[in-house]
């Protein structure tokens, strides 16, 4: 599974050097983090709408779009997929309530 994500992240990074006329990804990246974030938000809403329906295929397609646009946003901010995966790994085995409480505690 992570191989597919890594391959996609690598392709997204490679699109930085392609023509925006030929690459939708490059067009998004040229718009900066703001455009990438707005597009991710649109895809998140479309994913929620699909999740409320009964069409599993539609949800699958929207979820794939959402993941793609998240990777584009991460690339626009130079955040490596491996850093996100490492963060998820660090949370493995920890209750979501405990993890969230640890993030919201004031720093000393």
PDB file of N, CA and C in Angstrom:
ATOM      1  N   UNK A   1       0.822  -1.205   0.000  1.00  0.00           N
ATOM      2  CA  UNK A   1       0.000   0.000   0.000  1.00  0.00           C
ATOM      3  C   UNK A   1       0.860   1.260   0.000  1.00  0.00           C
ATOM      4  N   UNK A   2       1.840   1.308   0.898  1.00  0.00           N
ATOM      5  CA  UNK A   2       2.671   2.512   0.934  1.00  0.00           C
ATOM      6  C   UNK A   2       3.502   2.640  -0.332  1.00  0.00           C
ATOM      7  N   UNK A   3       3.748   1.520  -1.043  1.00  0.00           N
ATOM      8  CA  UNK A   3       4.467   1.613  -2.311  1.00  0.00           C
ATOM      9  C   UNK A   3       3.685   2.472  -3.304  1.00  0.00           C
ATOM     10  N   UNK A   4       2.386   2.274  -3.361  1.00  0.00           N
ATOM     11  CA  UNK A   4       1.547   3.073  -4.260  1.00  0.00           C
ATOM     12  C   UNK A   4       1.609   4.539  -3.851  1.00  0.00           C
ATOM     13  N   UNK A   5       1.537   4.814  -2.570  1.00  0.00           N
ATOM     14  CA  UNK A   5       1.605   6.196  -2.097  1.00  0.00           C
ATOM     15  C   UNK A   5       2.965   6.809  -2.399  1.00  0.00           C
ATOM     16  N   UNK A   6       4.032   6.043  -2.163  1.00  0.00           N
ATOM     17  CA  UNK A   6       5.372   6.556  -2.469  1.00  0.00           C
ATOM     18  C   UNK A   6       5.537   6.821  -3.961  1.00  0.00           C
ATOM     19  N   UNK A   7       5.033   5.920  -4.792  1.00  0.00           N
ATOM     20  CA  UNK A   7       5.124   6.117  -6.242  1.00  0.00           C
ATOM     21  C   UNK A   7       4.369   7.371  -6.664  1.00  0.00           C
ATOM     22  N   UNK A   8       3.192   7.565  -6.104  1.00  0.00           N
ATOM     23  CA  UNK A   8       2.412   8.756  -6.432  1.00  0.00           C
ATOM     24  C   UNK A   8       3.121  10.019  -5.946  1.00  0.00           C
ATOM     25  N   UNK A   9       3.649  10.001  -4.747  1.00  0.00           N
ATOM     26  CA  UNK A   9       4.379  11.163  -4.223  1.00  0.00           C
ATOM     27  C   UNK A   9       5.592  11.473  -5.095  1.00  0.00           C
ATOM     28  N   UNK A  10       6.267  10.443  -5.564  1.00  0.00           N
ATOM     29  CA  UNK A  10       7.430  10.637  -6.441  1.00  0.00           C
ATOM     30  C   UNK A  10       7.011  11.253  -7.772  1.00  0.00           C
ATOM     31  N   UNK A  11       5.898  10.774  -8.343  1.00  0.00           N
ATOM     32  CA  UNK A  11       5.395  11.356  -9.598  1.00  0.00           C
ATOM     33  C   UNK A  11       4.995  12.811  -9.409  1.00  0.00           C
ATOM     34  N   UNK A  12       4.362  13.110  -8.287  1.00  0.00           N
ATOM     35  CA  UNK A  12       3.948  14.490  -8.004  1.00  0.00           C
ATOM     36  C   UNK A  12       5.183  15.384  -7.928  1.00  0.00           C
ATOM     37  N   UNK A  13       6.218  14.932  -7.246  1.00  0.00           N
ATOM     38  CA  UNK A  13       7.461  15.716  -7.144  1.00  0.00           C
ATOM     39  C   UNK A  13       8.054  15.934  -8.537  1.00  0.00           C
ATOM     40  N   UNK A  14       8.034  14.909  -9.371  1.00  0.00           N
ATOM     41  CA  UNK A  14       8.592  15.013 -10.720  1.00  0.00           C
ATOM     42  C   UNK A  14       7.814  16.005 -11.574  1.00  0.00           C
ATOM     43  N   UNK A  15       6.545  16.191 -11.309  1.00  0.00           N
ATOM     44  CA  UNK A  15       5.713  17.096 -12.102  1.00  0.00           C
ATOM     45  C   UNK A  15       6.139  18.552 -11.934  1.00  0.00           C
ATOM     46  N   UNK A  16       6.880  18.860 -10.880  1.00  0.00           N
ATOM     47  CA  UNK A  16       7.358  20.230 -10.685  1.00  0.00           C
ATOM     48  C   UNK A  16       8.143  20.739 -11.891  1.00  0.00           C
ATOM     49  N   UNK A  17       8.790  19.824 -12.609  1.00  0.00           N
ATOM     50  CA  UNK A  17       9.637  20.232 -13.731  1.00  0.00           C
ATOM     51  C   UNK A  17       8.933  20.110 -15.081  1.00  0.00           C
ATOM     52  N   UNK A  18       7.663  19.767 -15.087  1.00  0.00           N
ATOM     53  CA  UNK A  18       6.921  19.639 -16.337  1.00  0.00           C
ATOM     54  C   UNK A  18       6.153  20.923 -16.640  1.00  0.00           C
ATOM     55  N   UNK A  19       5.695  21.021 -17.854  1.00  0.00           N
ATOM     56  CA  UNK A  19       4.921  22.169 -18.284  1.00  0.00           C
ATOM     57  C   UNK A  19       3.545  22.156 -17.618  1.00  0.00           C
ATOM     58  N   UNK A  20       3.124  23.310 -17.135  1.00  0.00           N
ATOM     59  CA  UNK A  20       1.795  23.415 -16.533  1.00  0.00           C
ATOM     60  C   UNK A  20       0.709  23.181 -17.577  1.00  0.00           C
ATOM     61  N   UNK A  21       1.025  23.412 -18.851  1.00  0.00           N
ATOM     62  CA  UNK A  21       0.052  23.166 -19.910  1.00  0.00           C
ATOM     63  C   UNK A  21      -0.213  21.677 -20.080  1.00  0.00           C
ATOM     64  N   UNK A  22       0.750  20.838 -19.705  1.00  0.00           N
ATOM     65  CA  UNK A  22       0.604  19.394 -19.853  1.00  0.00           C
ATOM     66  C   UNK A  22       0.324  18.688 -18.536  1.00  0.00           C
ATOM     67  N   UNK A  23       0.527  19.365 -17.418  1.00  0.00           N
ATOM     68  CA  UNK A  23       0.429  18.701 -16.117  1.00  0.00           C
ATOM     69  C   UNK A  23      -0.511  19.448 -15.181  1.00  0.00           C
ATOM     70  N   UNK A  24      -1.608  18.790 -14.828  1.00  0.00           N
ATOM     71  CA  UNK A  24      -2.548  19.345 -13.844  1.00  0.00           C
ATOM     72  C   UNK A  24      -1.857  19.511 -12.500  1.00  0.00           C
ATOM     73  N   UNK A  25      -1.006  18.562 -12.152  1.00  0.00           N
ATOM     74  CA  UNK A  25      -0.284  18.640 -10.882  1.00  0.00           C
ATOM     75  C   UNK A  25       0.587  19.882 -10.851  1.00  0.00           C
ATOM     76  N   UNK A  26       1.307  20.142 -11.927  1.00  0.00           N
ATOM     77  CA  UNK A  26       2.160  21.329 -11.996  1.00  0.00           C
ATOM     78  C   UNK A  26       1.317  22.593 -11.891  1.00  0.00           C
ATOM     79  N   UNK A  27       0.165  22.580 -12.535  1.00  0.00           N
ATOM     80  CA  UNK A  27      -0.742  23.729 -12.456  1.00  0.00           C
ATOM     81  C   UNK A  27      -1.141  23.989 -10.993  1.00  0.00           C
ATOM     82  N   UNK A  28      -1.470  22.917 -10.278  1.00  0.00           N
ATOM     83  CA  UNK A  28      -1.811  23.072  -8.858  1.00  0.00           C
ATOM     84  C   UNK A  28      -0.622  23.604  -8.067  1.00  0.00           C
ATOM     85  N   UNK A  29       0.553  23.011  -8.273  1.00  0.00           N
ATOM     86  CA  UNK A  29       1.749  23.432  -7.538  1.00  0.00           C
ATOM     87  C   UNK A  29       2.105  24.888  -7.836  1.00  0.00           C
ATOM     88  N   UNK A  30       1.922  25.297  -9.078  1.00  0.00           N
ATOM     89  CA  UNK A  30       2.185  26.694  -9.431  1.00  0.00           C
ATOM     90  C   UNK A  30       1.254  27.655  -8.691  1.00  0.00           C
ATOM     91  N   UNK A  31       0.081  27.161  -8.298  1.00  0.00           N
ATOM     92  CA  UNK A  31      -0.863  27.983  -7.546  1.00  0.00           C
ATOM     93  C   UNK A  31      -0.478  28.154  -6.086  1.00  0.00           C
ATOM     94  N   UNK A  32       0.535  27.424  -5.659  1.00  0.00           N
ATOM     95  CA  UNK A  32       1.025  27.539  -4.287  1.00  0.00           C
ATOM     96  C   UNK A  32       0.174  26.767  -3.298  1.00  0.00           C
ATOM     97  N   UNK A  33       0.605  26.782  -2.044  1.00  0.00           N
ATOM     98  CA  UNK A  33      -0.112  26.045  -1.001  1.00  0.00           C
ATOM     99  C   UNK A  33      -1.568  26.464  -0.850  1.00  0.00           C
ATOM    100  N   UNK A  34      -1.866  27.724  -1.101  1.00  0.00           N
ATOM    101  CA  UNK A  34      -3.242  28.192  -0.946  1.00  0.00           C
ATOM    102  C   UNK A  34      -4.167  27.487  -1.935  1.00  0.00           C
ATOM    103  N   UNK A  35      -3.750  27.425  -3.203  1.00  0.00           N
ATOM    104  CA  UNK A  35      -4.584  26.737  -4.207  1.00  0.00           C
ATOM    105  C   UNK A  35      -4.686  25.256  -3.896  1.00  0.00           C
ATOM    106  N   UNK A  36      -3.564  24.660  -3.513  1.00  0.00           N
ATOM    107  CA  UNK A  36      -3.569  23.231  -3.202  1.00  0.00           C
ATOM    108  C   UNK A  36      -4.475  22.946  -2.008  1.00  0.00           C
ATOM    109  N   UNK A  37      -4.453  23.814  -1.015  1.00  0.00           N
ATOM    110  CA  UNK A  37      -5.293  23.627   0.173  1.00  0.00           C
ATOM    111  C   UNK A  37      -6.771  23.787  -0.169  1.00  0.00           C
ATOM    112  N   UNK A  38      -7.085  24.775  -0.984  1.00  0.00           N
ATOM    113  CA  UNK A  38      -8.488  24.948  -1.399  1.00  0.00           C
ATOM    114  C   UNK A  38      -8.977  23.727  -2.160  1.00  0.00           C
ATOM    115  N   UNK A  39      -8.151  23.202  -3.050  1.00  0.00           N
ATOM    116  CA  UNK A  39      -8.551  22.034  -3.824  1.00  0.00           C
ATOM    117  C   UNK A  39      -8.726  20.822  -2.922  1.00  0.00           C
ATOM    118  N   UNK A  40      -7.848  20.666  -1.940  1.00  0.00           N
ATOM    119  CA  UNK A  40      -7.994  19.574  -0.974  1.00  0.00           C
ATOM    120  C   UNK A  40      -9.317  19.716  -0.225  1.00  0.00           C
ATOM    121  N   UNK A  41      -9.661  20.934   0.163  1.00  0.00           N
ATOM    122  CA  UNK A  41     -10.936  21.164   0.842  1.00  0.00           C
ATOM    123  C   UNK A  41     -12.122  20.778  -0.020  1.00  0.00           C
ATOM    124  N   UNK A  42     -12.075  21.133  -1.297  1.00  0.00           N
ATOM    125  CA  UNK A  42     -13.151  20.757  -2.214  1.00  0.00           C
ATOM    126  C   UNK A  42     -13.276  19.238  -2.296  1.00  0.00           C
ATOM    127  N   UNK A  43     -12.139  18.575  -2.409  1.00  0.00           N
ATOM    128  CA  UNK A  43     -12.156  17.111  -2.507  1.00  0.00           C
ATOM    129  C   UNK A  43     -12.647  16.475  -1.213  1.00  0.00           C
ATOM    130  N   UNK A  44     -12.331  17.084  -0.081  1.00  0.00           N
ATOM    131  CA  UNK A  44     -12.804  16.557   1.206  1.00  0.00           C
ATOM    132  C   UNK A  44     -14.327  16.625   1.271  1.00  0.00           C
ATOM    133  N   UNK A  45     -14.884  17.745   0.830  1.00  0.00           N
ATOM    134  CA  UNK A  45     -16.345  17.887   0.819  1.00  0.00           C
ATOM    135  C   UNK A  45     -16.972  16.854  -0.117  1.00  0.00           C
ATOM    136  N   UNK A  46     -16.381  16.674  -1.298  1.00  0.00           N
ATOM    137  CA  UNK A  46     -16.915  15.688  -2.242  1.00  0.00           C
ATOM    138  C   UNK A  46     -16.829  14.269  -1.662  1.00  0.00           C
ATOM    139  N   UNK A  47     -15.786  13.999  -0.889  1.00  0.00           N
ATOM    140  CA  UNK A  47     -15.642  12.690  -0.262  1.00  0.00           C
ATOM    141  C   UNK A  47     -16.717  12.491   0.798  1.00  0.00           C
ATOM    142  N   UNK A  48     -16.985  13.516   1.578  1.00  0.00           N
ATOM    143  CA  UNK A  48     -18.039  13.434   2.598  1.00  0.00           C
ATOM    144  C   UNK A  48     -19.391  13.193   1.938  1.00  0.00           C
ATOM    145  N   UNK A  49     -19.670  13.929   0.869  1.00  0.00           N
ATOM    146  CA  UNK A  49     -20.942  13.753   0.175  1.00  0.00           C
ATOM    147  C   UNK A  49     -21.067  12.329  -0.354  1.00  0.00           C
ATOM    148  N   UNK A  50     -19.987  11.820  -0.952  1.00  0.00           N
ATOM    149  CA  UNK A  50     -20.014  10.445  -1.465  1.00  0.00           C
ATOM    150  C   UNK A  50     -20.194   9.442  -0.331  1.00  0.00           C
ATOM    151  N   UNK A  51     -19.612   9.722   0.818  1.00  0.00           N
ATOM    152  CA  UNK A  51     -19.724   8.810   1.963  1.00  0.00           C
ATOM    153  C   UNK A  51     -21.155   8.738   2.479  1.00  0.00           C
ATOM    154  N   UNK A  52     -21.905   9.792   2.292  1.00  0.00           N
ATOM    155  CA  UNK A  52     -23.291   9.808   2.750  1.00  0.00           C
ATOM    156  C   UNK A  52     -24.231   9.100   1.783  1.00  0.00           C
ATOM    157  N   UNK A  53     -23.738   8.816   0.597  1.00  0.00           N
ATOM    158  CA  UNK A  53     -24.535   8.096  -0.397  1.00  0.00           C
ATOM    159  C   UNK A  53     -24.290   6.601  -0.303  1.00  0.00           C
ATOM    160  N   UNK A  54     -24.923   5.871  -1.187  1.00  0.00           N
ATOM    161  CA  UNK A  54     -24.825   4.412  -1.163  1.00  0.00           C
ATOM    162  C   UNK A  54     -23.854   3.854  -2.198  1.00  0.00           C
ATOM    163  N   UNK A  55     -23.276   4.715  -3.020  1.00  0.00           N
ATOM    164  CA  UNK A  55     -22.418   4.277  -4.115  1.00  0.00           C
ATOM    165  C   UNK A  55     -20.973   4.116  -3.633  1.00  0.00           C
ATOM    166  N   UNK A  56     -20.592   2.880  -3.363  1.00  0.00           N
ATOM    167  CA  UNK A  56     -19.233   2.597  -2.861  1.00  0.00           C
ATOM    168  C   UNK A  56     -18.162   2.995  -3.876  1.00  0.00           C
ATOM    169  N   UNK A  57     -18.458   2.811  -5.155  1.00  0.00           N
ATOM    170  CA  UNK A  57     -17.492   3.169  -6.196  1.00  0.00           C
ATOM    171  C   UNK A  57     -17.244   4.677  -6.213  1.00  0.00           C
ATOM    172  N   UNK A  58     -18.302   5.450  -6.012  1.00  0.00           N
ATOM    173  CA  UNK A  58     -18.152   6.909  -5.966  1.00  0.00           C
ATOM    174  C   UNK A  58     -17.280   7.315  -4.780  1.00  0.00           C
ATOM    175  N   UNK A  59     -17.511   6.701  -3.636  1.00  0.00           N
ATOM    176  CA  UNK A  59     -16.693   6.996  -2.461  1.00  0.00           C
ATOM    177  C   UNK A  59     -15.239   6.605  -2.714  1.00  0.00           C
ATOM    178  N   UNK A  60     -15.031   5.477  -3.339  1.00  0.00           N
ATOM    179  CA  UNK A  60     -13.669   5.031  -3.645  1.00  0.00           C
ATOM    180  C   UNK A  60     -12.959   6.047  -4.539  1.00  0.00           C
ATOM    181  N   UNK A  61     -13.643   6.510  -5.578  1.00  0.00           N
ATOM    182  CA  UNK A  61     -13.056   7.500  -6.486  1.00  0.00           C
ATOM    183  C   UNK A  61     -12.758   8.807  -5.771  1.00  0.00           C
ATOM    184  N   UNK A  62     -13.691   9.274  -4.963  1.00  0.00           N
ATOM    185  CA  UNK A  62     -13.479  10.536  -4.248  1.00  0.00           C
ATOM    186  C   UNK A  62     -12.360  10.405  -3.213  1.00  0.00           C
ATOM    187  N   UNK A  63     -12.278   9.252  -2.560  1.00  0.00           N
ATOM    188  CA  UNK A  63     -11.196   9.032  -1.592  1.00  0.00           C
ATOM    189  C   UNK A  63      -9.842   9.051  -2.299  1.00  0.00           C
ATOM    190  N   UNK A  64      -9.766   8.468  -3.482  1.00  0.00           N
ATOM    191  CA  UNK A  64      -8.521   8.491  -4.249  1.00  0.00           C
ATOM    192  C   UNK A  64      -8.154   9.927  -4.625  1.00  0.00           C
ATOM    193  N   UNK A  65      -9.144  10.711  -5.050  1.00  0.00           N
ATOM    194  CA  UNK A  65      -8.894  12.124  -5.358  1.00  0.00           C
ATOM    195  C   UNK A  65      -8.399  12.864  -4.126  1.00  0.00           C
ATOM    196  N   UNK A  66      -9.000  12.579  -2.990  1.00  0.00           N
ATOM    197  CA  UNK A  66      -8.618  13.234  -1.742  1.00  0.00           C
ATOM    198  C   UNK A  66      -7.164  12.922  -1.384  1.00  0.00           C
ATOM    199  N   UNK A  67      -6.776  11.671  -1.491  1.00  0.00           N
ATOM    200  CA  UNK A  67      -5.397  11.285  -1.179  1.00  0.00           C
ATOM    201  C   UNK A  67      -4.428  11.971  -2.138  1.00  0.00           C
ATOM    202  N   UNK A  68      -4.749  11.966  -3.421  1.00  0.00           N
ATOM    203  CA  UNK A  68      -3.905  12.635  -4.410  1.00  0.00           C
ATOM    204  C   UNK A  68      -3.713  14.110  -4.051  1.00  0.00           C
ATOM    205  N   UNK A  69      -4.815  14.792  -3.771  1.00  0.00           N
ATOM    206  CA  UNK A  69      -4.714  16.226  -3.482  1.00  0.00           C
ATOM    207  C   UNK A  69      -4.005  16.495  -2.159  1.00  0.00           C
ATOM    208  N   UNK A  70      -4.100  15.581  -1.207  1.00  0.00           N
ATOM    209  CA  UNK A  70      -3.323  15.720   0.026  1.00  0.00           C
ATOM    210  C   UNK A  70      -1.833  15.634  -0.289  1.00  0.00           C
ATOM    211  N   UNK A  71      -1.451  14.679  -1.132  1.00  0.00           N
ATOM    212  CA  UNK A  71      -0.038  14.556  -1.498  1.00  0.00           C
ATOM    213  C   UNK A  71       0.457  15.783  -2.256  1.00  0.00           C
ATOM    214  N   UNK A  72      -0.382  16.365  -3.101  1.00  0.00           N
ATOM    215  CA  UNK A  72      -0.003  17.591  -3.803  1.00  0.00           C
ATOM    216  C   UNK A  72       0.198  18.722  -2.800  1.00  0.00           C
ATOM    217  N   UNK A  73      -0.698  18.845  -1.837  1.00  0.00           N
ATOM    218  CA  UNK A  73      -0.549  19.886  -0.818  1.00  0.00           C
ATOM    219  C   UNK A  73       0.740  19.675  -0.017  1.00  0.00           C
ATOM    220  N   UNK A  74       1.006  18.448   0.372  1.00  0.00           N
ATOM    221  CA  UNK A  74       2.245  18.174   1.106  1.00  0.00           C
ATOM    222  C   UNK A  74       3.460  18.570   0.274  1.00  0.00           C
ATOM    223  N   UNK A  75       3.436  18.239  -1.010  1.00  0.00           N
ATOM    224  CA  UNK A  75       4.551  18.611  -1.899  1.00  0.00           C
ATOM    225  C   UNK A  75       4.686  20.128  -1.990  1.00  0.00           C
ATOM    226  N   UNK A  76       3.563  20.821  -2.035  1.00  0.00           N
ATOM    227  CA  UNK A  76       3.611  22.283  -2.144  1.00  0.00           C
ATOM    228  C   UNK A  76       4.255  22.918  -0.921  1.00  0.00           C
ATOM    229  N   UNK A  77       4.189  22.222   0.206  1.00  0.00           N
ATOM    230  CA  UNK A  77       4.786  22.723   1.451  1.00  0.00           C
ATOM    231  C   UNK A  77       6.085  21.990   1.803  1.00  0.00           C
ATOM    232  N   UNK A  78       6.556  21.158   0.887  1.00  0.00           N
ATOM    233  CA  UNK A  78       7.805  20.399   1.056  1.00  0.00           C
ATOM    234  C   UNK A  78       7.772  19.524   2.311  1.00  0.00           C
ATOM    235  N   UNK A  79       6.640  18.874   2.518  1.00  0.00           N
ATOM    236  CA  UNK A  79       6.483  17.910   3.607  1.00  0.00           C
ATOM    237  C   UNK A  79       6.530  16.517   2.986  1.00  0.00           C
ATOM    238  N   UNK A  80       7.479  15.721   3.432  1.00  0.00           N
ATOM    239  CA  UNK A  80       7.672  14.393   2.847  1.00  0.00           C
ATOM    240  C   UNK A  80       6.601  13.422   3.334  1.00  0.00           C
ATOM    241  N   UNK A  81       6.155  12.566   2.430  1.00  0.00           N
ATOM    242  CA  UNK A  81       5.211  11.515   2.795  1.00  0.00           C
ATOM    243  C   UNK A  81       5.777  10.666   3.922  1.00  0.00           C
ATOM    244  N   UNK A  82       7.064  10.374   3.878  1.00  0.00           N
ATOM    245  CA  UNK A  82       7.674   9.571   4.942  1.00  0.00           C
ATOM    246  C   UNK A  82       7.530  10.225   6.311  1.00  0.00           C
ATOM    247  N   UNK A  83       7.543  11.556   6.363  1.00  0.00           N
ATOM    248  CA  UNK A  83       7.345  12.249   7.646  1.00  0.00           C
ATOM    249  C   UNK A  83       5.922  12.031   8.163  1.00  0.00           C
ATOM    250  N   UNK A  84       4.957  12.061   7.256  1.00  0.00           N
ATOM    251  CA  UNK A  84       3.565  11.825   7.649  1.00  0.00           C
ATOM    252  C   UNK A  84       3.399  10.381   8.110  1.00  0.00           C
ATOM    253  N   UNK A  85       3.979   9.452   7.364  1.00  0.00           N
ATOM    254  CA  UNK A  85       3.888   8.035   7.740  1.00  0.00           C
ATOM    255  C   UNK A  85       4.581   7.775   9.072  1.00  0.00           C
ATOM    256  N   UNK A  86       5.702   8.444   9.312  1.00  0.00           N
ATOM    257  CA  UNK A  86       6.395   8.293  10.595  1.00  0.00           C
ATOM    258  C   UNK A  86       5.537   8.822  11.747  1.00  0.00           C
ATOM    259  N   UNK A  87       4.839   9.904  11.502  1.00  0.00           N
ATOM    260  CA  UNK A  87       3.934  10.449  12.528  1.00  0.00           C
ATOM    261  C   UNK A  87       2.816   9.452  12.827  1.00  0.00           C
ATOM    262  N   UNK A  88       2.256   8.876  11.785  1.00  0.00           N
ATOM    263  CA  UNK A  88       1.215   7.859  11.996  1.00  0.00           C
ATOM    264  C   UNK A  88       1.773   6.660  12.756  1.00  0.00           C
ATOM    265  N   UNK A  89       2.980   6.239  12.393  1.00  0.00           N
ATOM    266  CA  UNK A  89       3.610   5.103  13.077  1.00  0.00           C
ATOM    267  C   UNK A  89       3.827   5.410  14.553  1.00  0.00           C
ATOM    268  N   UNK A  90       4.209   6.637  14.862  1.00  0.00           N
ATOM    269  CA  UNK A  90       4.450   7.008  16.260  1.00  0.00           C
ATOM    270  C   UNK A  90       3.168   6.974  17.087  1.00  0.00           C
ATOM    271  N   UNK A  91       2.040   7.075  16.412  1.00  0.00           N
ATOM    272  CA  UNK A  91       0.751   7.049  17.107  1.00  0.00           C
ATOM    273  C   UNK A  91       0.182   5.644  17.229  1.00  0.00           C
ATOM    274  N   UNK A  92       0.759   4.682  16.528  1.00  0.00           N
ATOM    275  CA  UNK A  92       0.239   3.311  16.534  1.00  0.00           C
ATOM    276  C   UNK A  92       0.219   2.768  17.960  1.00  0.00           C
ATOM    277  N   UNK A  93      -0.893   2.164  18.321  1.00  0.00           N
ATOM    278  CA  UNK A  93      -1.016   1.573  19.645  1.00  0.00           C
ATOM    279  C   UNK A  93      -1.393   2.568  20.733  1.00  0.00           C
ATOM    280  N   UNK A  94      -1.604   3.813  20.347  1.00  0.00           N
ATOM    281  CA  UNK A  94      -1.988   4.844  21.311  1.00  0.00           C
ATOM    282  C   UNK A  94      -3.450   5.188  21.093  1.00  0.00           C
ATOM    283  N   UNK A  95      -4.194   5.257  22.172  1.00  0.00           N
ATOM    284  CA  UNK A  95      -5.591   5.663  22.079  1.00  0.00           C
ATOM    285  C   UNK A  95      -5.684   7.041  21.442  1.00  0.00           C
ATOM    286  N   UNK A  96      -6.653   7.217  20.573  1.00  0.00           N
ATOM    287  CA  UNK A  96      -6.866   8.520  19.961  1.00  0.00           C
ATOM    288  C   UNK A  96      -7.119   9.602  20.993  1.00  0.00           C
ATOM    289  N   UNK A  97      -7.806   9.264  22.067  1.00  0.00           N
ATOM    290  CA  UNK A  97      -8.075  10.244  23.126  1.00  0.00           C
ATOM    291  C   UNK A  97      -6.772  10.644  23.809  1.00  0.00           C
ATOM    292  N   UNK A  98      -5.921   9.681  24.083  1.00  0.00           N
ATOM    293  CA  UNK A  98      -4.639   9.961  24.741  1.00  0.00           C
ATOM    294  C   UNK A  98      -3.753  10.797  23.823  1.00  0.00           C
ATOM    295  N   UNK A  99      -3.681  10.413  22.552  1.00  0.00           N
ATOM    296  CA  UNK A  99      -2.835  11.129  21.596  1.00  0.00           C
ATOM    297  C   UNK A  99      -3.306  12.567  21.439  1.00  0.00           C
ATOM    298  N   UNK A 100      -4.603  12.773  21.328  1.00  0.00           N
ATOM    299  CA  UNK A 100      -5.124  14.127  21.166  1.00  0.00           C
ATOM    300  C   UNK A 100      -4.869  14.967  22.410  1.00  0.00           C
ATOM    301  N   UNK A 101      -5.044  14.389  23.583  1.00  0.00           N
ATOM    302  CA  UNK A 101      -4.787  15.114  24.830  1.00  0.00           C
ATOM    303  C   UNK A 101      -3.317  15.524  24.917  1.00  0.00           C
ATOM    304  N   UNK A 102      -2.425  14.663  24.457  1.00  0.00           N
ATOM    305  CA  UNK A 102      -0.994  14.983  24.505  1.00  0.00           C
ATOM    306  C   UNK A 102      -0.667  16.152  23.582  1.00  0.00           C
ATOM    307  N   UNK A 103      -1.361  16.268  22.461  1.00  0.00           N
ATOM    308  CA  UNK A 103      -1.113  17.361  21.519  1.00  0.00           C
ATOM    309  C   UNK A 103      -1.645  18.687  22.034  1.00  0.00           C
ATOM    310  N   UNK A 104      -2.670  18.665  22.876  1.00  0.00           N
ATOM    311  CA  UNK A 104      -3.300  19.909  23.296  1.00  0.00           C
ATOM    312  C   UNK A 104      -2.804  20.421  24.638  1.00  0.00           C
ATOM    313  N   UNK A 105      -1.901  19.675  25.270  1.00  0.00           N
ATOM    314  CA  UNK A 105      -1.336  20.147  26.532  1.00  0.00           C
ATOM    315  C   UNK A 105      -0.430  21.339  26.283  1.00  0.00           C
ATOM    316  N   UNK A 106      -0.493  22.334  27.162  1.00  0.00           N
ATOM    317  CA  UNK A 106       0.396  23.494  27.009  1.00  0.00           C
ATOM    318  C   UNK A 106       1.866  23.064  27.164  1.00  0.00           C
ATOM    319  N   UNK A 107       2.712  23.650  26.330  1.00  0.00           N
ATOM    320  CA  UNK A 107       4.149  23.380  26.397  1.00  0.00           C
ATOM    321  C   UNK A 107       4.747  24.151  27.576  1.00  0.00           C
ATOM    322  N   UNK A 108       5.666  23.510  28.286  1.00  0.00           N
ATOM    323  CA  UNK A 108       6.312  24.173  29.438  1.00  0.00           C
ATOM    324  C   UNK A 108       7.445  25.032  28.990  1.00  0.00           C
TER     325      UNK A 108
END
